[in-house]
Amino acid sequence: MRLSRFFIDAPLSIGQHELPETQAHYIGRVLRHAAGDAVQLFDGSGQEYRGELIEVGKKNVRVELREQLQGQAESPLRVHLGQGLSRGERMDWAIQKATELGAAVITPIVSERCEVRLKDERADKRLAHWRQVAISACEQCGRSVVPLIHSPVLLADWLQQSDADLKLVLHPVAEPLASHAKPSTLAFLIGPEGGLSDAEVEQAKTAGFHAARLGPRVLRTETAPVVALSVAQQLWGDF
């Protein structure tokens, strides 16, 4: 039987721990786990801990961690995904699937055709929401390290800061991914709904990005990272 896995936003070690209130409520009240149930926890450090619930109350849950394991689900290909900022569930989907497919860093990109504008408190709430989407994806897929999710940045700023062995911008008229040599680090730029403008593609090329295509069909903004990361993992990663 597969163990339930939970992310704990605090350092873990062998021994007894009282879990934070949010996780305690979810484990005890939502999932209705009971004392004696086996669990597996991770704190984002790359380590996994197996143990047993020893106390499950209405507001508090205690666990005894008895075994430390090294996480095995991280790809040798370190990918930084620059994802065009899109609306609601489309952005959630892109972050969830990018996490499942091994992206190490995700940066929402504000470009010319973005229809979403986030400022101040709203931006902070969305960032916290996206991080929780990534955490839930890690719990499901077996990753022990939660990808770093940055606040949205302007395309020009991201291009200037981007640093990878291979930098690719998706474009329907370009060479396929397989035409490039194997990198150890990879930056992917994917446009928003409506895509990147021709000027933005040229701006990316000036910043050292190579245009690359995934196939003969134009993909939606939330589909493109799924396909791009899958192909990259097949070519150069752990698929």
Protein backbone atom coordinates (compact mmCIF):
# COMPACT_ATOMS: atom_id res chain seq x y z
CA MET A 1 0.00 0.00 0.00
CA ARG A 2 1.36 3.41 -0.96
CA LEU A 3 2.15 5.72 1.94
CA SER A 4 0.50 9.13 2.17
CA ARG A 5 3.14 11.81 1.51
CA PHE A 6 3.00 15.29 3.00
CA PHE A 7 5.16 18.38 2.66
CA ILE A 8 6.07 20.04 5.96
CA ASP A 9 7.38 23.60 5.74
CA ALA A 10 9.84 23.14 8.60
CA PRO A 11 13.09 21.16 9.03
CA LEU A 12 12.49 17.46 9.76
CA SER A 13 14.66 14.89 11.51
CA ILE A 14 14.36 11.48 13.14
CA GLY A 15 12.18 11.68 16.26
CA GLN A 16 8.83 13.12 17.28
CA HIS A 17 7.32 16.22 15.67
CA GLU A 18 4.11 18.17 16.16
CA LEU A 19 2.84 19.10 12.74
CA PRO A 20 1.81 22.66 11.76
CA GLU A 21 -1.88 23.40 12.21
CA THR A 22 -2.71 23.45 8.47
CA GLN A 23 -1.25 20.00 7.84
CA ALA A 24 -2.65 18.69 11.11
CA HIS A 25 -6.17 19.72 10.10
CA TYR A 26 -5.79 18.18 6.65
CA ILE A 27 -4.41 14.89 7.95
CA GLY A 28 -6.76 14.53 10.90
CA ARG A 29 -10.01 16.17 9.81
CA VAL A 30 -10.00 15.95 6.01
CA LEU A 31 -8.22 12.65 5.35
CA ARG A 32 -9.29 11.22 8.72
CA HIS A 33 -6.02 9.49 9.45
CA ALA A 34 -5.72 7.90 12.88
CA ALA A 35 -2.94 7.11 15.33
CA GLY A 36 -0.94 4.17 14.05
CA ASP A 37 -1.21 5.14 10.38
CA ALA A 38 2.07 5.20 8.47
CA VAL A 39 3.09 8.42 6.69
CA GLN A 40 6.00 9.79 4.70
CA LEU A 41 7.03 13.42 5.10
CA PHE A 42 9.45 15.70 3.27
CA ASP A 43 10.63 19.25 3.93
CA GLY A 44 11.99 20.27 0.53
CA SER A 45 15.61 19.48 1.41
CA GLY A 46 15.70 16.36 -0.77
CA GLN A 47 15.27 14.02 2.20
CA GLU A 48 12.24 11.83 2.93
CA TYR A 49 11.16 10.59 6.36
CA ARG A 50 8.94 7.62 7.12
CA GLY A 51 7.14 7.26 10.38
CA GLU A 52 3.86 6.76 12.19
CA LEU A 53 1.17 9.04 13.53
CA ILE A 54 1.21 8.72 17.32
CA GLU A 55 -1.45 11.29 18.16
CA VAL A 56 -4.30 12.66 16.04
CA GLY A 57 -6.52 15.25 17.69
CA LYS A 58 -8.91 17.91 16.44
CA LYS A 59 -6.21 20.56 16.26
CA ASN A 60 -2.94 18.74 16.76
CA VAL A 61 -1.15 15.82 15.13
CA ARG A 62 2.09 14.27 16.32
CA VAL A 63 4.26 11.96 14.28
CA GLU A 64 7.27 9.86 15.10
CA LEU A 65 9.75 9.73 12.24
CA ARG A 66 11.84 6.57 12.31
CA GLU A 67 13.59 6.30 8.94
CA GLN A 68 15.40 8.83 6.75
CA LEU A 69 15.56 8.29 2.98
CA GLN A 70 17.22 10.09 0.10
CA GLY A 71 14.73 11.39 -2.44
CA GLN A 72 15.06 9.77 -5.87
CA ALA A 73 12.72 11.77 -8.11
CA GLU A 74 14.86 14.78 -9.12
CA SER A 75 15.91 15.02 -12.75
CA PRO A 76 19.61 15.43 -13.63
CA LEU A 77 18.45 18.07 -16.14
CA ARG A 78 17.90 21.36 -14.31
CA VAL A 79 15.15 23.29 -16.10
CA HIS A 80 14.14 26.91 -15.54
CA LEU A 81 10.72 27.47 -17.10
CA GLY A 82 9.78 31.00 -18.10
CA GLN A 83 6.02 30.65 -18.50
CA GLY A 84 3.91 33.39 -20.03
CA LEU A 85 1.43 34.59 -17.41
CA SER A 86 -2.09 33.37 -18.19
CA ARG A 87 -5.44 33.35 -16.49
CA GLY A 88 -6.58 31.23 -13.55
CA GLU A 89 -6.63 27.51 -14.11
CA ARG A 90 -4.37 27.67 -17.15
CA MET A 91 -1.48 28.98 -15.05
CA ASP A 92 -2.26 26.50 -12.28
CA TRP A 93 -2.20 23.66 -14.81
CA ALA A 94 1.13 24.80 -16.27
CA ILE A 95 2.74 24.99 -12.82
CA GLN A 96 1.29 21.67 -11.69
CA LYS A 97 2.45 19.79 -14.78
CA ALA A 98 5.84 21.52 -14.91
CA THR A 99 6.40 20.38 -11.31
CA GLU A 100 5.41 16.80 -12.15
CA LEU A 101 7.76 16.88 -15.14
CA GLY A 102 10.76 17.98 -13.10
CA ALA A 103 11.13 21.75 -13.57
CA ALA A 104 13.50 23.14 -10.94
CA VAL A 105 12.53 26.82 -11.25
CA ILE A 106 9.38 28.46 -12.63
CA THR A 107 9.06 32.17 -13.40
CA PRO A 108 5.77 33.69 -14.60
CA ILE A 109 6.58 36.09 -17.45
CA VAL A 110 4.76 39.35 -18.21
CA SER A 111 4.93 39.99 -21.95
CA GLU A 112 3.23 42.14 -24.57
CA ARG A 113 0.16 39.94 -25.05
CA CYS A 114 -0.43 39.03 -21.40
CA GLU A 115 -4.02 39.65 -20.34
CA VAL A 116 -3.25 39.30 -16.63
CA ARG A 117 -1.83 42.04 -14.42
CA LEU A 118 -0.96 41.31 -10.80
CA LYS A 119 0.12 43.93 -8.28
CA ASP A 120 1.00 44.07 -4.60
CA GLU A 121 -1.32 42.03 -2.35
CA ARG A 122 -2.99 40.20 -5.22
CA ALA A 123 0.40 39.18 -6.61
CA ASP A 124 1.47 37.88 -3.19
CA LYS A 125 -1.71 35.80 -2.93
CA ARG A 126 -1.23 34.32 -6.38
CA LEU A 127 2.40 33.46 -5.62
CA ALA A 128 1.35 31.68 -2.41
CA HIS A 129 -1.36 29.85 -4.36
CA TRP A 130 1.08 28.76 -7.09
CA ARG A 131 3.52 27.49 -4.47
CA GLN A 132 0.75 25.39 -2.93
CA VAL A 133 -0.09 24.01 -6.39
CA ALA A 134 3.55 22.96 -6.75
CA ILE A 135 3.64 21.46 -3.24
CA SER A 136 0.53 19.37 -3.94
CA ALA A 137 2.08 18.19 -7.20
CA CYS A 138 5.26 17.17 -5.35
CA GLU A 139 3.22 15.23 -2.78
CA GLN A 140 1.49 13.34 -5.59
CA CYS A 141 4.41 12.68 -7.95
CA GLY A 142 7.09 11.75 -5.42
CA ARG A 143 9.41 14.76 -5.69
CA SER A 144 11.29 15.67 -2.51
CA VAL A 145 12.29 19.16 -3.66
CA VAL A 146 9.65 21.82 -4.33
CA PRO A 147 10.48 23.91 -7.40
CA LEU A 148 11.31 27.55 -6.76
CA ILE A 149 8.52 29.79 -8.05
CA HIS A 150 9.41 33.44 -8.58
CA SER A 151 7.11 36.43 -8.60
CA PRO A 152 6.06 37.53 -12.11
CA VAL A 153 8.72 39.55 -13.95
CA LEU A 154 8.86 41.47 -17.20
CA LEU A 155 10.13 39.49 -20.16
CA ALA A 156 13.08 41.84 -20.72
CA ASP A 157 14.22 41.42 -17.11
CA TRP A 158 13.97 37.62 -17.24
CA LEU A 159 15.91 37.44 -20.49
CA GLN A 160 18.68 39.52 -19.00
CA GLN A 161 18.88 37.36 -15.86
CA SER A 162 18.49 33.96 -17.54
CA ASP A 163 21.57 31.78 -17.32
CA ALA A 164 21.66 28.20 -18.67
CA ASP A 165 23.76 25.96 -20.90
CA LEU A 166 20.94 25.96 -23.44
CA LYS A 167 18.26 28.63 -23.75
CA LEU A 168 15.23 27.94 -25.94
CA VAL A 169 12.20 29.97 -26.96
CA LEU A 170 9.36 27.96 -28.42
CA HIS A 171 8.38 29.04 -31.91
CA PRO A 172 6.37 27.24 -34.63
CA VAL A 173 9.00 27.98 -37.30
CA ALA A 174 12.34 26.71 -36.01
CA GLU A 175 14.58 23.68 -35.62
CA PRO A 176 13.31 20.77 -33.43
CA LEU A 177 14.59 20.32 -29.89
CA ALA A 178 16.56 17.22 -30.86
CA SER A 179 18.89 19.31 -33.04
CA HIS A 180 20.63 20.66 -29.91
CA ALA A 181 23.40 19.00 -27.92
CA LYS A 182 22.67 17.71 -24.42
CA PRO A 183 22.80 20.48 -21.77
CA SER A 184 23.03 20.15 -17.99
CA THR A 185 20.89 23.27 -17.47
CA LEU A 186 18.06 24.43 -19.69
CA ALA A 187 15.93 27.58 -19.87
CA PHE A 188 12.59 27.37 -21.68
CA LEU A 189 10.61 30.45 -22.69
CA ILE A 190 6.92 29.86 -23.46
CA GLY A 191 4.56 32.63 -24.47
CA PRO A 192 1.16 33.51 -22.97
CA GLU A 193 -2.26 33.16 -24.58
CA GLY A 194 -1.74 34.71 -28.00
CA GLY A 195 1.95 33.86 -27.98
CA LEU A 196 5.04 36.04 -28.05
CA SER A 197 5.25 38.82 -30.60
CA ASP A 198 7.84 38.65 -33.38
CA ALA A 199 9.73 41.45 -31.65
CA GLU A 200 9.83 39.50 -28.40
CA VAL A 201 11.13 36.38 -30.16
CA GLU A 202 13.90 38.49 -31.69
CA GLN A 203 14.58 40.01 -28.28
CA ALA A 204 15.01 36.51 -26.86
CA LYS A 205 17.35 35.52 -29.69
CA THR A 206 19.46 38.61 -29.00
CA ALA A 207 19.70 37.43 -25.37
CA GLY A 208 21.14 34.08 -26.49
CA PHE A 209 17.97 32.03 -26.90
CA HIS A 210 17.54 29.63 -29.81
CA ALA A 211 14.13 29.21 -31.44
CA ALA A 212 12.87 25.63 -31.17
CA ARG A 213 9.67 23.90 -32.24
CA LEU A 214 7.79 20.92 -30.82
CA GLY A 215 5.97 19.80 -33.94
CA PRO A 216 3.66 20.89 -36.76
CA ARG A 217 0.80 22.08 -34.54
CA VAL A 218 0.52 25.26 -32.46
CA LEU A 219 -0.01 24.36 -28.80
CA ARG A 220 -1.95 26.25 -26.16
CA THR A 221 0.07 28.09 -23.53
CA GLU A 222 -0.78 25.50 -20.85
CA THR A 223 -0.07 22.55 -23.18
CA ALA A 224 3.30 23.77 -24.42
CA PRO A 225 5.22 23.30 -21.11
CA VAL A 226 3.88 19.74 -20.77
CA VAL A 227 5.11 18.79 -24.22
CA ALA A 228 8.35 20.77 -24.05
CA LEU A 229 9.39 19.34 -20.69
CA SER A 230 8.40 15.81 -21.71
CA VAL A 231 10.51 16.00 -24.86
CA ALA A 232 13.44 17.57 -22.98
CA GLN A 233 13.32 14.86 -20.29
CA GLN A 234 13.21 12.19 -23.00
CA LEU A 235 16.17 13.69 -24.84
CA TRP A 236 18.38 14.83 -21.98
CA GLY A 237 16.79 14.00 -18.62
CA ASP A 238 15.43 10.94 -16.82
CA PHE A 239 12.65 9.65 -19.07
